[in-house]
ModelCIF file with pLDDT and N, C-alpha, C, O atoms, coordinates in Angstrom:
data_MODEL
#
_entry.id   MODEL 
#
_entity.id                         1 
_entity.type                       polymer 
_entity.pdbx_number_of_molecules   1 
#
_entity_poly.entity_id                      1 
_entity_poly.type                           'polypeptide(L)' 
_entity_poly.nstd_linkage                   no 
_entity_poly.nstd_monomer                   no 
_entity_poly.pdbx_seq_one_letter_code       KIEAIIKPFKLDEVREALSEVGVAGLTVTEVKGFGR 
_entity_poly.pdbx_seq_one_letter_code_can   KIEAIIKPFKLDEVREALSEVGVAGLTVTEVKGFGR 
_entity_poly.pdbx_strand_id                 A 
#
loop_
_entity_poly_seq.entity_id 
_entity_poly_seq.num 
_entity_poly_seq.mon_id 
_entity_poly_seq.hetero 
1 1  LYS n 
1 2  ILE n 
1 3  GLU n 
1 4  ALA n 
1 5  ILE n 
1 6  ILE n 
1 7  LYS n 
1 8  PRO n 
1 9  PHE n 
1 10 LYS n 
1 11 LEU n 
1 12 ASP n 
1 13 GLU n 
1 14 VAL n 
1 15 ARG n 
1 16 GLU n 
1 17 ALA n 
1 18 LEU n 
1 19 SER n 
1 20 GLU n 
1 21 VAL n 
1 22 GLY n 
1 23 VAL n 
1 24 ALA n 
1 25 GLY n 
1 26 LEU n 
1 27 THR n 
1 28 VAL n 
1 29 THR n 
1 30 GLU n 
1 31 VAL n 
1 32 LYS n 
1 33 GLY n 
1 34 PHE n 
1 35 GLY n 
1 36 ARG n 
#
_struct_asym.id          A 
_struct_asym.entity_id   1 
#
loop_
_ma_qa_metric.id 
_ma_qa_metric.mode 
_ma_qa_metric.name 
_ma_qa_metric.software_group_id 
_ma_qa_metric.type 
1 global pLDDT . pLDDT 
2 local  pLDDT . pLDDT 
#
_ma_qa_metric_global.metric_id      1 
_ma_qa_metric_global.metric_value   94.17 
_ma_qa_metric_global.model_id       1 
_ma_qa_metric_global.ordinal_id     1 
#
loop_
_ma_qa_metric_local.label_asym_id 
_ma_qa_metric_local.label_comp_id 
_ma_qa_metric_local.label_seq_id 
_ma_qa_metric_local.metric_id 
_ma_qa_metric_local.metric_value 
_ma_qa_metric_local.model_id 
_ma_qa_metric_local.ordinal_id 
A LYS 1  2 97.00 1 1  
A ILE 2  2 98.00 1 2  
A GLU 3  2 98.00 1 3  
A ALA 4  2 98.00 1 4  
A ILE 5  2 97.00 1 5  
A ILE 6  2 97.00 1 6  
A LYS 7  2 95.00 1 7  
A PRO 8  2 96.00 1 8  
A PHE 9  2 97.00 1 9  
A LYS 10 2 97.00 1 10 
A LEU 11 2 97.00 1 11 
A ASP 12 2 97.00 1 12 
A GLU 13 2 97.00 1 13 
A VAL 14 2 97.00 1 14 
A ARG 15 2 97.00 1 15 
A GLU 16 2 97.00 1 16 
A ALA 17 2 97.00 1 17 
A LEU 18 2 97.00 1 18 
A SER 19 2 96.00 1 19 
A GLU 20 2 96.00 1 20 
A VAL 21 2 96.00 1 21 
A GLY 22 2 93.00 1 22 
A VAL 23 2 94.00 1 23 
A ALA 24 2 88.00 1 24 
A GLY 25 2 92.00 1 25 
A LEU 26 2 95.00 1 26 
A THR 27 2 97.00 1 27 
A VAL 28 2 98.00 1 28 
A THR 29 2 98.00 1 29 
A GLU 30 2 97.00 1 30 
A VAL 31 2 96.00 1 31 
A LYS 32 2 90.00 1 32 
A GLY 33 2 86.00 1 33 
A PHE 34 2 80.00 1 34 
A GLY 35 2 79.00 1 35 
A ARG 36 2 73.00 1 36 
#
loop_
_atom_site.group_PDB 
_atom_site.id 
_atom_site.type_symbol 
_atom_site.label_atom_id 
_atom_site.label_alt_id 
_atom_site.label_comp_id 
_atom_site.label_asym_id 
_atom_site.label_entity_id 
_atom_site.label_seq_id 
_atom_site.pdbx_PDB_ins_code 
_atom_site.Cartn_x 
_atom_site.Cartn_y 
_atom_site.Cartn_z 
_atom_site.occupancy 
_atom_site.B_iso_or_equiv 
_atom_site.pdbx_formal_charge 
_atom_site.auth_seq_id 
_atom_site.auth_comp_id 
_atom_site.auth_asym_id 
_atom_site.auth_atom_id 
_atom_site.pdbx_PDB_model_num 
ATOM 1   N N  . LYS A 1 1  ? 0.744  -1.511 0.442   1.00 97.00 ? 1  LYS A N  1 
ATOM 2   C CA . LYS A 1 1  ? -0.126 -0.001 -0.023  1.00 97.00 ? 1  LYS A CA 1 
ATOM 3   C C  . LYS A 1 1  ? 0.832  1.486  0.217   1.00 97.00 ? 1  LYS A C  1 
ATOM 4   O O  . LYS A 1 1  ? 1.615  1.746  1.130   1.00 97.00 ? 1  LYS A O  1 
ATOM 5   N N  . ILE A 1 2  ? 0.453  2.262  -0.902  1.00 98.00 ? 2  ILE A N  1 
ATOM 6   C CA . ILE A 1 2  ? 1.340  3.157  -1.441  1.00 98.00 ? 2  ILE A CA 1 
ATOM 7   C C  . ILE A 1 2  ? -0.076 4.368  -0.569  1.00 98.00 ? 2  ILE A C  1 
ATOM 8   O O  . ILE A 1 2  ? -1.266 4.607  -0.772  1.00 98.00 ? 2  ILE A O  1 
ATOM 9   N N  . GLU A 1 3  ? 0.924  4.792  0.353   1.00 98.00 ? 3  GLU A N  1 
ATOM 10  C CA . GLU A 1 3  ? 0.526  6.646  0.822   1.00 98.00 ? 3  GLU A CA 1 
ATOM 11  C C  . GLU A 1 3  ? 0.756  7.818  0.258   1.00 98.00 ? 3  GLU A C  1 
ATOM 12  O O  . GLU A 1 3  ? 1.895  7.606  -0.159  1.00 98.00 ? 3  GLU A O  1 
ATOM 13  N N  . ALA A 1 4  ? 0.563  8.653  0.013   1.00 98.00 ? 4  ALA A N  1 
ATOM 14  C CA . ALA A 1 4  ? 1.095  9.512  -0.485  1.00 98.00 ? 4  ALA A CA 1 
ATOM 15  C C  . ALA A 1 4  ? 0.355  11.361 0.180   1.00 98.00 ? 4  ALA A C  1 
ATOM 16  O O  . ALA A 1 4  ? -0.858 11.558 0.113   1.00 98.00 ? 4  ALA A O  1 
ATOM 17  N N  . ILE A 1 5  ? 1.201  12.335 0.680   1.00 97.00 ? 5  ILE A N  1 
ATOM 18  C CA . ILE A 1 5  ? 0.243  13.288 1.027   1.00 97.00 ? 5  ILE A CA 1 
ATOM 19  C C  . ILE A 1 5  ? 1.438  14.308 0.494   1.00 97.00 ? 5  ILE A C  1 
ATOM 20  O O  . ILE A 1 5  ? 2.608  14.480 0.835   1.00 97.00 ? 5  ILE A O  1 
ATOM 21  N N  . ILE A 1 6  ? 0.583  14.893 -0.498  1.00 97.00 ? 6  ILE A N  1 
ATOM 22  C CA . ILE A 1 6  ? 1.081  15.690 -1.645  1.00 97.00 ? 6  ILE A CA 1 
ATOM 23  C C  . ILE A 1 6  ? 0.113  16.983 -1.709  1.00 97.00 ? 6  ILE A C  1 
ATOM 24  O O  . ILE A 1 6  ? -0.995 17.134 -1.194  1.00 97.00 ? 6  ILE A O  1 
ATOM 25  N N  . LYS A 1 7  ? 0.877  17.870 -2.503  1.00 95.00 ? 7  LYS A N  1 
ATOM 26  C CA . LYS A 1 7  ? 0.118  19.321 -2.600  1.00 95.00 ? 7  LYS A CA 1 
ATOM 27  C C  . LYS A 1 7  ? -1.047 19.180 -3.668  1.00 95.00 ? 7  LYS A C  1 
ATOM 28  O O  . LYS A 1 7  ? -0.862 18.887 -4.849  1.00 95.00 ? 7  LYS A O  1 
ATOM 29  N N  . PRO A 1 8  ? -2.398 19.458 -3.015  1.00 96.00 ? 8  PRO A N  1 
ATOM 30  C CA . PRO A 1 8  ? -3.253 19.752 -3.788  1.00 96.00 ? 8  PRO A CA 1 
ATOM 31  C C  . PRO A 1 8  ? -3.687 20.093 -5.008  1.00 96.00 ? 8  PRO A C  1 
ATOM 32  O O  . PRO A 1 8  ? -4.733 19.819 -5.597  1.00 96.00 ? 8  PRO A O  1 
ATOM 33  N N  . PHE A 1 9  ? -2.396 20.967 -5.428  1.00 97.00 ? 9  PHE A N  1 
ATOM 34  C CA . PHE A 1 9  ? -2.883 21.251 -7.157  1.00 97.00 ? 9  PHE A CA 1 
ATOM 35  C C  . PHE A 1 9  ? -1.825 20.383 -8.136  1.00 97.00 ? 9  PHE A C  1 
ATOM 36  O O  . PHE A 1 9  ? -1.450 20.779 -9.240  1.00 97.00 ? 9  PHE A O  1 
ATOM 37  N N  . LYS A 1 10 ? -1.323 18.815 -7.354  1.00 97.00 ? 10 LYS A N  1 
ATOM 38  C CA . LYS A 1 10 ? -0.795 18.390 -8.167  1.00 97.00 ? 10 LYS A CA 1 
ATOM 39  C C  . LYS A 1 10 ? -1.557 17.242 -8.271  1.00 97.00 ? 10 LYS A C  1 
ATOM 40  O O  . LYS A 1 10 ? -1.106 16.255 -8.853  1.00 97.00 ? 10 LYS A O  1 
ATOM 41  N N  . LEU A 1 11 ? -2.562 17.252 -7.820  1.00 97.00 ? 11 LEU A N  1 
ATOM 42  C CA . LEU A 1 11 ? -3.365 16.080 -8.224  1.00 97.00 ? 11 LEU A CA 1 
ATOM 43  C C  . LEU A 1 11 ? -3.835 15.332 -9.107  1.00 97.00 ? 11 LEU A C  1 
ATOM 44  O O  . LEU A 1 11 ? -4.219 14.185 -8.874  1.00 97.00 ? 11 LEU A O  1 
ATOM 45  N N  . ASP A 1 12 ? -3.881 16.179 -10.829 1.00 97.00 ? 12 ASP A N  1 
ATOM 46  C CA . ASP A 1 12 ? -4.172 15.589 -11.386 1.00 97.00 ? 12 ASP A CA 1 
ATOM 47  C C  . ASP A 1 12 ? -3.138 15.497 -12.271 1.00 97.00 ? 12 ASP A C  1 
ATOM 48  O O  . ASP A 1 12 ? -3.423 15.245 -13.442 1.00 97.00 ? 12 ASP A O  1 
ATOM 49  N N  . GLU A 1 13 ? -2.205 15.622 -12.016 1.00 97.00 ? 13 GLU A N  1 
ATOM 50  C CA . GLU A 1 13 ? -0.678 15.443 -12.453 1.00 97.00 ? 13 GLU A CA 1 
ATOM 51  C C  . GLU A 1 13 ? 0.250  13.737 -11.766 1.00 97.00 ? 13 GLU A C  1 
ATOM 52  O O  . GLU A 1 13 ? 0.960  12.818 -12.175 1.00 97.00 ? 13 GLU A O  1 
ATOM 53  N N  . VAL A 1 14 ? -0.290 14.146 -10.745 1.00 97.00 ? 14 VAL A N  1 
ATOM 54  C CA . VAL A 1 14 ? 0.170  12.661 -10.076 1.00 97.00 ? 14 VAL A CA 1 
ATOM 55  C C  . VAL A 1 14 ? -0.912 11.730 -10.199 1.00 97.00 ? 14 VAL A C  1 
ATOM 56  O O  . VAL A 1 14 ? -0.696 10.687 -9.580  1.00 97.00 ? 14 VAL A O  1 
ATOM 57  N N  . ARG A 1 15 ? -2.046 11.779 -10.824 1.00 97.00 ? 15 ARG A N  1 
ATOM 58  C CA . ARG A 1 15 ? -3.177 10.589 -11.533 1.00 97.00 ? 15 ARG A CA 1 
ATOM 59  C C  . ARG A 1 15 ? -2.680 10.324 -12.778 1.00 97.00 ? 15 ARG A C  1 
ATOM 60  O O  . ARG A 1 15 ? -2.572 9.152  -13.136 1.00 97.00 ? 15 ARG A O  1 
ATOM 61  N N  . GLU A 1 16 ? -2.341 11.276 -13.537 1.00 97.00 ? 16 GLU A N  1 
ATOM 62  C CA . GLU A 1 16 ? -1.807 10.695 -15.015 1.00 97.00 ? 16 GLU A CA 1 
ATOM 63  C C  . GLU A 1 16 ? -0.647 9.677  -15.061 1.00 97.00 ? 16 GLU A C  1 
ATOM 64  O O  . GLU A 1 16 ? -0.576 8.589  -15.633 1.00 97.00 ? 16 GLU A O  1 
ATOM 65  N N  . ALA A 1 17 ? 0.304  10.389 -14.241 1.00 97.00 ? 17 ALA A N  1 
ATOM 66  C CA . ALA A 1 17 ? 1.548  9.876  -14.042 1.00 97.00 ? 17 ALA A CA 1 
ATOM 67  C C  . ALA A 1 17 ? 1.285  8.015  -13.726 1.00 97.00 ? 17 ALA A C  1 
ATOM 68  O O  . ALA A 1 17 ? 1.706  6.943  -14.162 1.00 97.00 ? 17 ALA A O  1 
ATOM 69  N N  . LEU A 1 18 ? 0.579  8.390  -12.971 1.00 97.00 ? 18 LEU A N  1 
ATOM 70  C CA . LEU A 1 18 ? 0.243  6.599  -12.023 1.00 97.00 ? 18 LEU A CA 1 
ATOM 71  C C  . LEU A 1 18 ? -0.603 5.597  -13.126 1.00 97.00 ? 18 LEU A C  1 
ATOM 72  O O  . LEU A 1 18 ? -0.677 4.372  -13.038 1.00 97.00 ? 18 LEU A O  1 
ATOM 73  N N  . SER A 1 19 ? -1.056 6.224  -13.904 1.00 96.00 ? 19 SER A N  1 
ATOM 74  C CA . SER A 1 19 ? -1.969 5.778  -14.695 1.00 96.00 ? 19 SER A CA 1 
ATOM 75  C C  . SER A 1 19 ? -1.089 5.052  -15.936 1.00 96.00 ? 19 SER A C  1 
ATOM 76  O O  . SER A 1 19 ? -1.212 3.874  -16.273 1.00 96.00 ? 19 SER A O  1 
ATOM 77  N N  . GLU A 1 20 ? -0.291 5.910  -16.458 1.00 96.00 ? 20 GLU A N  1 
ATOM 78  C CA . GLU A 1 20 ? 0.924  5.920  -17.361 1.00 96.00 ? 20 GLU A CA 1 
ATOM 79  C C  . GLU A 1 20 ? 1.515  4.179  -16.826 1.00 96.00 ? 20 GLU A C  1 
ATOM 80  O O  . GLU A 1 20 ? 1.792  3.219  -17.544 1.00 96.00 ? 20 GLU A O  1 
ATOM 81  N N  . VAL A 1 21 ? 1.549  4.312  -15.192 1.00 96.00 ? 21 VAL A N  1 
ATOM 82  C CA . VAL A 1 21 ? 2.446  2.591  -15.363 1.00 96.00 ? 21 VAL A CA 1 
ATOM 83  C C  . VAL A 1 21 ? 2.045  1.658  -14.733 1.00 96.00 ? 21 VAL A C  1 
ATOM 84  O O  . VAL A 1 21 ? 2.567  0.756  -14.078 1.00 96.00 ? 21 VAL A O  1 
ATOM 85  N N  . GLY A 1 22 ? 0.393  2.154  -15.162 1.00 93.00 ? 22 GLY A N  1 
ATOM 86  C CA . GLY A 1 22 ? -0.545 0.673  -14.513 1.00 93.00 ? 22 GLY A CA 1 
ATOM 87  C C  . GLY A 1 22 ? -1.150 0.551  -13.439 1.00 93.00 ? 22 GLY A C  1 
ATOM 88  O O  . GLY A 1 22 ? -1.613 -0.507 -13.012 1.00 93.00 ? 22 GLY A O  1 
ATOM 89  N N  . VAL A 1 23 ? -1.217 1.948  -12.745 1.00 94.00 ? 23 VAL A N  1 
ATOM 90  C CA . VAL A 1 23 ? -1.727 1.661  -12.068 1.00 94.00 ? 23 VAL A CA 1 
ATOM 91  C C  . VAL A 1 23 ? -3.343 2.069  -12.086 1.00 94.00 ? 23 VAL A C  1 
ATOM 92  O O  . VAL A 1 23 ? -3.632 3.225  -12.396 1.00 94.00 ? 23 VAL A O  1 
ATOM 93  N N  . ALA A 1 24 ? -4.514 1.012  -11.714 1.00 88.00 ? 24 ALA A N  1 
ATOM 94  C CA . ALA A 1 24 ? -5.579 0.768  -12.128 1.00 88.00 ? 24 ALA A CA 1 
ATOM 95  C C  . ALA A 1 24 ? -6.439 1.503  -11.273 1.00 88.00 ? 24 ALA A C  1 
ATOM 96  O O  . ALA A 1 24 ? -7.402 1.923  -11.915 1.00 88.00 ? 24 ALA A O  1 
ATOM 97  N N  . GLY A 1 25 ? -6.466 1.781  -10.234 1.00 92.00 ? 25 GLY A N  1 
ATOM 98  C CA . GLY A 1 25 ? -7.515 2.943  -9.545  1.00 92.00 ? 25 GLY A CA 1 
ATOM 99  C C  . GLY A 1 25 ? -7.120 3.478  -7.846  1.00 92.00 ? 25 GLY A C  1 
ATOM 100 O O  . GLY A 1 25 ? -6.258 2.991  -7.114  1.00 92.00 ? 25 GLY A O  1 
ATOM 101 N N  . LEU A 1 26 ? -7.622 4.089  -7.684  1.00 95.00 ? 26 LEU A N  1 
ATOM 102 C CA . LEU A 1 26 ? -6.439 5.265  -6.103  1.00 95.00 ? 26 LEU A CA 1 
ATOM 103 C C  . LEU A 1 26 ? -7.533 5.365  -5.810  1.00 95.00 ? 26 LEU A C  1 
ATOM 104 O O  . LEU A 1 26 ? -8.504 5.231  -6.554  1.00 95.00 ? 26 LEU A O  1 
ATOM 105 N N  . THR A 1 27 ? -7.516 5.794  -3.865  1.00 97.00 ? 27 THR A N  1 
ATOM 106 C CA . THR A 1 27 ? -8.311 7.184  -3.313  1.00 97.00 ? 27 THR A CA 1 
ATOM 107 C C  . THR A 1 27 ? -7.487 7.857  -3.123  1.00 97.00 ? 27 THR A C  1 
ATOM 108 O O  . THR A 1 27 ? -6.345 7.877  -2.663  1.00 97.00 ? 27 THR A O  1 
ATOM 109 N N  . VAL A 1 28 ? -8.496 8.695  -3.715  1.00 98.00 ? 28 VAL A N  1 
ATOM 110 C CA . VAL A 1 28 ? -7.826 10.283 -2.932  1.00 98.00 ? 28 VAL A CA 1 
ATOM 111 C C  . VAL A 1 28 ? -8.774 10.568 -1.476  1.00 98.00 ? 28 VAL A C  1 
ATOM 112 O O  . VAL A 1 28 ? -9.888 10.110 -1.220  1.00 98.00 ? 28 VAL A O  1 
ATOM 113 N N  . THR A 1 29 ? -8.016 11.377 -0.736  1.00 98.00 ? 29 THR A N  1 
ATOM 114 C CA . THR A 1 29 ? -8.983 12.133 0.693   1.00 98.00 ? 29 THR A CA 1 
ATOM 115 C C  . THR A 1 29 ? -8.156 13.365 0.762   1.00 98.00 ? 29 THR A C  1 
ATOM 116 O O  . THR A 1 29 ? -6.942 13.252 0.928   1.00 98.00 ? 29 THR A O  1 
ATOM 117 N N  . GLU A 1 30 ? -8.715 14.538 0.648   1.00 97.00 ? 30 GLU A N  1 
ATOM 118 C CA . GLU A 1 30 ? -8.913 15.571 1.270   1.00 97.00 ? 30 GLU A CA 1 
ATOM 119 C C  . GLU A 1 30 ? -8.388 16.078 3.111   1.00 97.00 ? 30 GLU A C  1 
ATOM 120 O O  . GLU A 1 30 ? -9.327 16.191 3.898   1.00 97.00 ? 30 GLU A O  1 
ATOM 121 N N  . VAL A 1 31 ? -7.076 16.319 3.612   1.00 96.00 ? 31 VAL A N  1 
ATOM 122 C CA . VAL A 1 31 ? -6.639 16.426 4.197   1.00 96.00 ? 31 VAL A CA 1 
ATOM 123 C C  . VAL A 1 31 ? -6.010 17.620 4.881   1.00 96.00 ? 31 VAL A C  1 
ATOM 124 O O  . VAL A 1 31 ? -5.853 18.748 4.413   1.00 96.00 ? 31 VAL A O  1 
ATOM 125 N N  . LYS A 1 32 ? -5.662 17.137 6.134   1.00 90.00 ? 32 LYS A N  1 
ATOM 126 C CA . LYS A 1 32 ? -4.582 18.968 6.267   1.00 90.00 ? 32 LYS A CA 1 
ATOM 127 C C  . LYS A 1 32 ? -3.572 18.426 7.097   1.00 90.00 ? 32 LYS A C  1 
ATOM 128 O O  . LYS A 1 32 ? -3.458 17.221 7.323   1.00 90.00 ? 32 LYS A O  1 
ATOM 129 N N  . GLY A 1 33 ? -2.718 19.459 7.627   1.00 86.00 ? 33 GLY A N  1 
ATOM 130 C CA . GLY A 1 33 ? -1.512 18.468 8.414   1.00 86.00 ? 33 GLY A CA 1 
ATOM 131 C C  . GLY A 1 33 ? -0.626 19.735 7.836   1.00 86.00 ? 33 GLY A C  1 
ATOM 132 O O  . GLY A 1 33 ? -0.845 20.704 7.110   1.00 86.00 ? 33 GLY A O  1 
ATOM 133 N N  . PHE A 1 34 ? 0.955  18.970 8.856   1.00 80.00 ? 34 PHE A N  1 
ATOM 134 C CA . PHE A 1 34 ? 1.804  19.853 8.805   1.00 80.00 ? 34 PHE A CA 1 
ATOM 135 C C  . PHE A 1 34 ? 2.817  19.379 9.200   1.00 80.00 ? 34 PHE A C  1 
ATOM 136 O O  . PHE A 1 34 ? 2.727  18.840 10.303  1.00 80.00 ? 34 PHE A O  1 
ATOM 137 N N  . GLY A 1 35 ? 4.834  19.348 8.200   1.00 79.00 ? 35 GLY A N  1 
ATOM 138 C CA . GLY A 1 35 ? 5.600  19.158 8.422   1.00 79.00 ? 35 GLY A CA 1 
ATOM 139 C C  . GLY A 1 35 ? 6.181  20.217 9.521   1.00 79.00 ? 35 GLY A C  1 
ATOM 140 O O  . GLY A 1 35 ? 5.868  20.831 10.541  1.00 79.00 ? 35 GLY A O  1 
ATOM 141 N N  . ARG A 1 36 ? 7.355  19.977 8.503   1.00 73.00 ? 36 ARG A N  1 
ATOM 142 C CA . ARG A 1 36 ? 8.221  21.226 9.026   1.00 73.00 ? 36 ARG A CA 1 
ATOM 143 C C  . ARG A 1 36 ? 7.913  22.416 8.519   1.00 73.00 ? 36 ARG A C  1 
ATOM 144 O O  . ARG A 1 36 ? 8.535  23.417 8.873   1.00 73.00 ? 36 ARG A O  1 
#
């Protein structure tokens, strides 16, 4: 299971890139958080 936390405006690019490598489905959740 791969969980990736990304910036919201990058979602479409990531979805397309995953589709190109053969990932058939994914789950997307809007979350909030902070790191550094």
